[in-house]
N, C-alpha and C. Protein backbone atom coordinates (compact mmCIF):
# COMPACT_ATOMS: atom_id res chain seq x y z
N MET A 1 0.57 -1.48 0.27
CA MET A 1 -0.12 -0.06 0.17
C MET A 1 0.81 1.01 0.29
N VAL A 2 0.03 1.72 -0.88
CA VAL A 2 1.39 3.52 -0.87
C VAL A 2 0.61 4.70 -0.20
N ASP A 3 1.70 5.13 0.76
CA ASP A 3 1.90 5.98 2.47
C ASP A 3 1.22 6.92 1.67
N ALA A 4 0.37 7.77 3.03
CA ALA A 4 -0.87 8.92 2.27
C ALA A 4 0.31 9.81 2.09
N ASN A 5 1.47 10.37 2.44
CA ASN A 5 2.67 11.53 2.35
C ASN A 5 3.29 11.86 0.80
N ILE A 6 3.70 10.35 0.38
CA ILE A 6 3.85 9.83 -1.17
C ILE A 6 2.90 10.04 -2.21
N ILE A 7 1.47 9.91 -1.85
CA ILE A 7 0.41 10.22 -2.85
C ILE A 7 0.20 11.83 -2.61
N SER A 8 0.07 12.59 -1.82
CA SER A 8 -0.04 13.79 -1.97
C SER A 8 1.21 15.04 -1.84
N GLY A 9 2.52 14.21 -1.38
CA GLY A 9 3.08 15.01 -1.86
C GLY A 9 3.75 15.37 -3.75
N THR A 10 3.33 13.68 -4.16
CA THR A 10 3.34 13.51 -5.74
C THR A 10 2.03 14.79 -6.66
N VAL A 11 0.78 14.80 -5.66
CA VAL A 11 0.04 15.89 -6.04
C VAL A 11 0.67 16.90 -6.06
N TRP A 12 0.95 17.77 -4.69
CA TRP A 12 1.75 18.70 -4.08
C TRP A 12 2.89 18.92 -5.61
N LEU A 13 3.78 18.33 -6.09
CA LEU A 13 4.96 18.11 -7.11
C LEU A 13 4.04 18.31 -8.29
N LEU A 14 3.24 17.37 -8.53
CA LEU A 14 2.18 17.87 -10.05
C LEU A 14 2.01 19.12 -10.00
N CYS A 15 1.63 19.93 -9.16
CA CYS A 15 0.67 21.45 -8.63
C CYS A 15 1.79 22.48 -9.03
N GLY A 16 2.60 21.98 -8.75
CA GLY A 16 4.07 22.98 -8.54
C GLY A 16 4.89 23.11 -9.65
N LEU A 17 4.86 22.01 -10.88
CA LEU A 17 5.63 21.81 -11.75
C LEU A 17 4.51 22.32 -13.07
N ALA A 18 2.92 22.40 -12.92
CA ALA A 18 2.03 22.73 -13.28
C ALA A 18 2.37 24.81 -13.22
N ILE A 19 2.47 25.40 -11.74
CA ILE A 19 2.77 26.53 -11.45
C ILE A 19 4.03 27.12 -12.44
N LEU A 20 5.29 26.14 -12.23
CA LEU A 20 6.31 26.68 -12.37
C LEU A 20 6.28 27.05 -14.64
N TYR A 21 5.47 25.80 -14.97
CA TYR A 21 5.83 26.29 -15.50
C TYR A 21 4.76 26.95 -16.54
N LEU A 22 3.68 27.63 -16.10
CA LEU A 22 2.95 28.87 -16.81
C LEU A 22 3.87 30.00 -16.03
N GLY A 23 4.84 30.01 -15.11
CA GLY A 23 5.48 31.14 -14.98
C GLY A 23 6.60 31.41 -15.65
N TYR A 24 6.51 30.01 -16.28
CA TYR A 24 8.25 30.36 -17.45
C TYR A 24 7.53 31.14 -18.28
N LEU A 25 6.26 30.37 -18.37
CA LEU A 25 5.91 30.83 -20.01
C LEU A 25 5.66 32.54 -19.84
N ILE A 26 5.21 33.11 -18.97
CA ILE A 26 4.71 34.69 -18.81
C ILE A 26 6.34 35.14 -18.42
N ALA A 27 7.14 34.55 -17.55
CA ALA A 27 8.56 35.35 -17.19
C ALA A 27 9.32 35.51 -18.45
N ILE A 28 9.60 34.27 -19.32
CA ILE A 28 10.98 33.55 -19.78
C ILE A 28 10.28 33.69 -21.36
N ARG A 29 8.86 33.52 -21.29
CA ARG A 29 8.64 33.55 -23.38
C ARG A 29 7.75 34.85 -23.75
N GLY A 30 7.66 35.64 -21.97
CA GLY A 30 7.34 37.16 -22.49
C GLY A 30 5.98 37.03 -22.94
N ARG A 31 5.15 35.69 -22.43
CA ARG A 31 3.46 35.83 -22.52
C ARG A 31 2.55 35.91 -21.36
N ALA A 32 2.58 37.83 -21.21
CA ALA A 32 2.26 38.45 -19.90
C ALA A 32 0.44 38.78 -20.16
N ASP A 33 0.12 37.82 -21.53
CA ASP A 33 -1.29 37.98 -21.72
C ASP A 33 -2.11 36.33 -20.96
N LEU A 34 -1.38 35.40 -20.51
CA LEU A 34 -1.40 34.35 -20.46
C LEU A 34 -2.05 34.50 -18.72
N HIS A 35 -2.03 35.61 -18.04
CA HIS A 35 -1.91 36.32 -16.50
C HIS A 35 -3.43 36.25 -16.47
N ALA A 36 -4.31 36.20 -16.17
CA ALA A 36 -5.68 36.52 -15.72
C ALA A 36 -6.22 38.17 -15.59
N ASN A 37 -4.89 39.02 -14.90
CA ASN A 37 -5.43 40.15 -14.07
C ASN A 37 -4.80 41.19 -15.30
N TYR A 38 -4.30 40.33 -16.26
CA TYR A 38 -3.21 41.38 -17.24
C TYR A 38 -4.55 42.69 -17.18
N ASP A 39 -3.64 44.25 -17.66
CA ASP A 39 -4.38 44.98 -17.67
C ASP A 39 -3.48 45.39 -19.15
N GLU A 40 -3.88 45.52 -20.48
CA GLU A 40 -3.48 45.54 -21.60
C GLU A 40 -2.34 47.31 -21.43
N SER A 41 -2.85 47.72 -20.68
CA SER A 41 -2.09 48.79 -20.84
C SER A 41 -0.57 49.53 -19.78
N VAL A 42 -0.49 47.99 -19.89
CA VAL A 42 0.46 47.70 -19.26
C VAL A 42 1.73 47.51 -19.57
N ASP A 43 3.33 48.43 -19.36
CA ASP A 43 4.00 47.32 -20.57
C ASP A 43 3.97 45.95 -20.44
N PRO A 44 4.12 44.64 -20.92
CA PRO A 44 3.80 43.55 -21.11
C PRO A 44 5.23 42.86 -20.68
N GLU A 45 6.71 43.38 -21.17
CA GLU A 45 7.95 43.23 -20.19
C GLU A 45 7.98 43.37 -18.87
N TYR A 46 7.05 44.75 -18.51
CA TYR A 46 7.03 44.78 -16.80
C TYR A 46 6.28 43.87 -16.09
N VAL A 47 5.34 43.45 -16.58
CA VAL A 47 4.06 42.61 -16.03
C VAL A 47 5.72 41.08 -16.45
N SER A 48 5.88 40.73 -17.34
CA SER A 48 6.13 39.31 -17.32
C SER A 48 7.52 39.08 -16.59
N ARG A 49 7.82 39.87 -16.13
CA ARG A 49 9.09 40.40 -15.24
C ARG A 49 8.90 40.11 -13.77
N TRP A 50 7.57 40.75 -13.55
CA TRP A 50 7.40 41.21 -12.06
C TRP A 50 6.42 39.96 -11.71
N ALA A 51 5.53 39.73 -12.18
CA ALA A 51 4.45 38.90 -12.37
C ALA A 51 5.02 37.32 -13.23
N GLY A 52 5.77 37.28 -13.63
CA GLY A 52 6.62 35.87 -14.09
C GLY A 52 6.97 35.65 -13.53
N GLY A 53 8.15 36.52 -12.55
CA GLY A 53 8.66 36.14 -11.92
C GLY A 53 8.37 35.81 -10.10
N THR A 54 7.27 36.58 -9.75
CA THR A 54 6.66 35.70 -9.18
C THR A 54 5.39 34.50 -8.89
N ALA A 55 5.51 34.18 -10.37
CA ALA A 55 4.66 33.00 -10.55
C ALA A 55 5.38 31.91 -9.97
N ILE A 56 6.83 31.98 -10.95
CA ILE A 56 7.67 31.17 -11.15
C ILE A 56 8.67 31.11 -9.56
N LEU A 57 8.18 32.12 -8.58
CA LEU A 57 8.70 31.39 -6.89
C LEU A 57 7.57 30.75 -6.39
N MET A 58 6.33 31.30 -6.84
CA MET A 58 5.32 30.42 -6.16
C MET A 58 5.77 28.85 -6.36
N GLY A 59 5.91 28.48 -8.23
CA GLY A 59 6.51 26.78 -8.05
C GLY A 59 6.98 26.33 -7.49
N ILE A 60 8.14 27.52 -7.73
CA ILE A 60 9.84 26.44 -6.46
C ILE A 60 9.02 26.47 -5.32
N LEU A 61 8.53 27.65 -4.18
CA LEU A 61 7.82 26.89 -3.20
C LEU A 61 6.87 25.58 -3.00
N VAL A 62 5.58 25.88 -4.07
CA VAL A 62 5.12 24.32 -4.10
C VAL A 62 5.50 23.21 -4.15
N ILE A 63 6.94 23.31 -4.97
CA ILE A 63 7.88 21.72 -5.28
C ILE A 63 8.69 21.59 -3.88
N ALA A 64 8.97 22.72 -3.22
CA ALA A 64 9.50 22.31 -2.46
C ALA A 64 8.60 21.63 -1.39
N TYR A 65 7.89 22.37 -1.15
CA TYR A 65 6.63 22.30 0.36
C TYR A 65 6.24 19.92 0.03
N ALA A 66 6.40 19.85 -1.92
CA ALA A 66 6.51 18.23 -2.02
C ALA A 66 7.52 17.86 -1.47
N ILE A 67 8.80 18.55 -1.30
CA ILE A 67 9.63 17.33 -1.51
C ILE A 67 9.79 17.03 0.30
N ARG A 68 9.64 18.03 0.57
CA ARG A 68 9.57 18.50 2.55
C ARG A 68 8.58 17.17 2.93
N GLU A 69 7.61 17.49 2.20
CA GLU A 69 6.09 16.08 2.57
C GLU A 69 7.01 14.89 1.82
N PHE A 70 7.60 14.43 1.36
CA PHE A 70 8.25 13.04 1.14
C PHE A 70 9.04 12.63 1.83
N VAL A 71 9.97 13.70 2.38
CA VAL A 71 10.85 13.60 3.46
C VAL A 71 10.10 13.57 5.21
N TYR A 72 9.71 14.29 4.98
CA TYR A 72 9.05 14.44 6.77
C TYR A 72 8.13 13.92 6.47
N GLY A 73 7.06 14.04 5.74
CA GLY A 73 5.90 14.02 5.93
C GLY A 73 4.87 14.72 6.74
N PHE A 74 3.82 14.33 6.67
CA PHE A 74 2.43 15.73 6.61
C PHE A 74 2.34 16.60 7.90
N GLN A 75 2.78 17.69 7.71
CA GLN A 75 2.49 18.52 9.17
C GLN A 75 2.24 19.90 9.19
N PRO A 76 1.07 19.94 9.51
CA PRO A 76 -0.47 20.81 9.37
C PRO A 76 0.49 22.56 9.43
N TYR A 77 1.19 22.99 10.11
CA TYR A 77 2.43 23.91 10.02
C TYR A 77 3.03 24.82 8.98
N ALA A 78 3.40 23.41 8.15
CA ALA A 78 3.97 23.32 7.23
C ALA A 78 2.85 24.07 6.10
N LEU A 79 1.79 23.12 6.03
CA LEU A 79 1.25 23.15 4.75
C LEU A 79 0.22 24.27 4.95
N GLY A 80 0.06 25.04 6.21
CA GLY A 80 -0.78 26.34 6.68
C GLY A 80 0.75 27.63 6.31
N GLY A 81 1.58 27.42 6.27
CA GLY A 81 2.69 28.22 5.84
C GLY A 81 2.43 28.83 4.33
N LEU A 82 2.73 27.42 3.67
CA LEU A 82 2.88 27.41 2.33
C LEU A 82 1.32 27.78 1.50
N LEU A 83 0.51 27.90 1.99
CA LEU A 83 -0.86 28.27 2.22
C LEU A 83 -1.01 29.70 2.27
N VAL A 84 -0.35 30.20 3.21
CA VAL A 84 -0.04 31.83 3.60
C VAL A 84 0.58 32.04 2.50
N SER A 85 1.62 31.82 2.27
CA SER A 85 2.47 32.30 0.75
C SER A 85 1.95 32.03 -0.19
N LEU A 86 1.17 31.45 -0.81
CA LEU A 86 0.68 31.45 -1.86
C LEU A 86 -0.49 32.14 -1.93
N LEU A 87 -1.27 32.90 -1.45
CA LEU A 87 -2.13 33.65 -1.00
C LEU A 87 -1.04 34.83 -1.37
N VAL A 88 -0.54 35.70 -0.62
CA VAL A 88 0.08 36.90 -0.72
C VAL A 88 0.46 37.14 -1.61
N LEU A 89 1.61 35.79 -2.06
CA LEU A 89 1.95 36.13 -3.17
C LEU A 89 1.36 35.96 -5.06
N SER A 90 0.06 35.53 -4.59
CA SER A 90 -1.59 35.51 -5.57
C SER A 90 -1.57 36.88 -6.06
N TYR A 91 -1.76 37.56 -4.57
CA TYR A 91 -2.44 38.82 -4.64
C TYR A 91 -1.48 39.79 -5.54
N VAL A 92 -0.06 39.34 -4.81
CA VAL A 92 1.96 40.73 -5.81
C VAL A 92 1.23 39.79 -7.07
N THR A 93 0.91 39.56 -7.28
CA THR A 93 1.64 39.22 -8.96
C THR A 93 0.12 39.36 -9.72
N LYS A 94 -1.20 39.62 -8.72
CA LYS A 94 -2.29 40.64 -9.27
C LYS A 94 -1.90 41.96 -9.28
N LEU A 95 -1.39 42.44 -8.37
CA LEU A 95 -1.00 43.65 -8.81
C LEU A 95 -0.22 43.82 -9.44
N PHE A 96 1.28 42.72 -9.87
CA PHE A 96 2.02 43.55 -11.11
C PHE A 96 1.14 43.71 -12.38
N ALA A 97 0.21 42.92 -12.37
CA ALA A 97 -0.53 42.45 -13.68
C ALA A 97 -1.27 43.34 -14.18
N ARG A 98 -1.72 43.98 -13.01
CA ARG A 98 -2.75 45.39 -13.63
C ARG A 98 -1.87 46.89 -13.41
N GLY A 99 -0.80 46.37 -13.15
CA GLY A 99 -0.02 47.53 -13.06
C GLY A 99 1.09 48.61 -12.40
N VAL A 100 0.24 47.92 -10.92
CA VAL A 100 1.12 48.47 -9.76
C VAL A 100 2.67 48.34 -9.28
N GLY A 101 3.16 49.67 -9.94
CA GLY A 101 4.74 50.22 -9.61
C GLY A 101 5.28 50.26 -10.52
N TYR A 102 4.27 50.04 -11.86
CA TYR A 102 4.43 50.05 -13.27
C TYR A 102 4.83 52.34 -13.12
N ARG A 103 6.20 52.65 -13.97
CA ARG A 103 5.82 54.06 -13.84
C ARG A 103 6.51 54.48 -15.13
N GLY A 104 5.73 53.63 -16.43
CA GLY A 104 5.90 54.29 -17.74
C GLY A 104 7.12 53.75 -18.49
N ASP A 105 7.69 55.35 -18.53
CA ASP A 105 8.75 55.25 -19.83
C ASP A 105 10.31 55.13 -19.02
N TYR A 106 9.84 54.66 -17.73
CA TYR A 106 11.46 55.11 -16.69
C TYR A 106 11.80 54.12 -17.30
N ASP A 107 13.29 54.36 -17.17
CA ASP A 107 14.56 53.44 -18.50
C ASP A 107 15.48 52.94 -16.89
N GLY A 108 14.64 53.20 -15.65
CA GLY A 108 15.74 52.82 -14.57
C GLY A 108 15.95 51.50 -13.37
């Protein structure tokens, strides 16, 4: 019989890889239009850099949690920390996609 931590870790790993791939498409491939909250008046390079980079960070966190669950098993505090981190980063990536912090033609 397969341990529940292996099944849960595998699900988290697959989710993390999916998030990481979407972050890759947005950040590296420049597909800012893939973000649900993308405002077309904002420079797509800005959104790709910041929202895509944040999505990559989210994917890395989920993969790290999956590996942690494979090794140590389930702990509610670790899962709670992951979920809070993902909620905060999700909000931050929405702000970047809407153009918060974007300064127009600023070259700095």
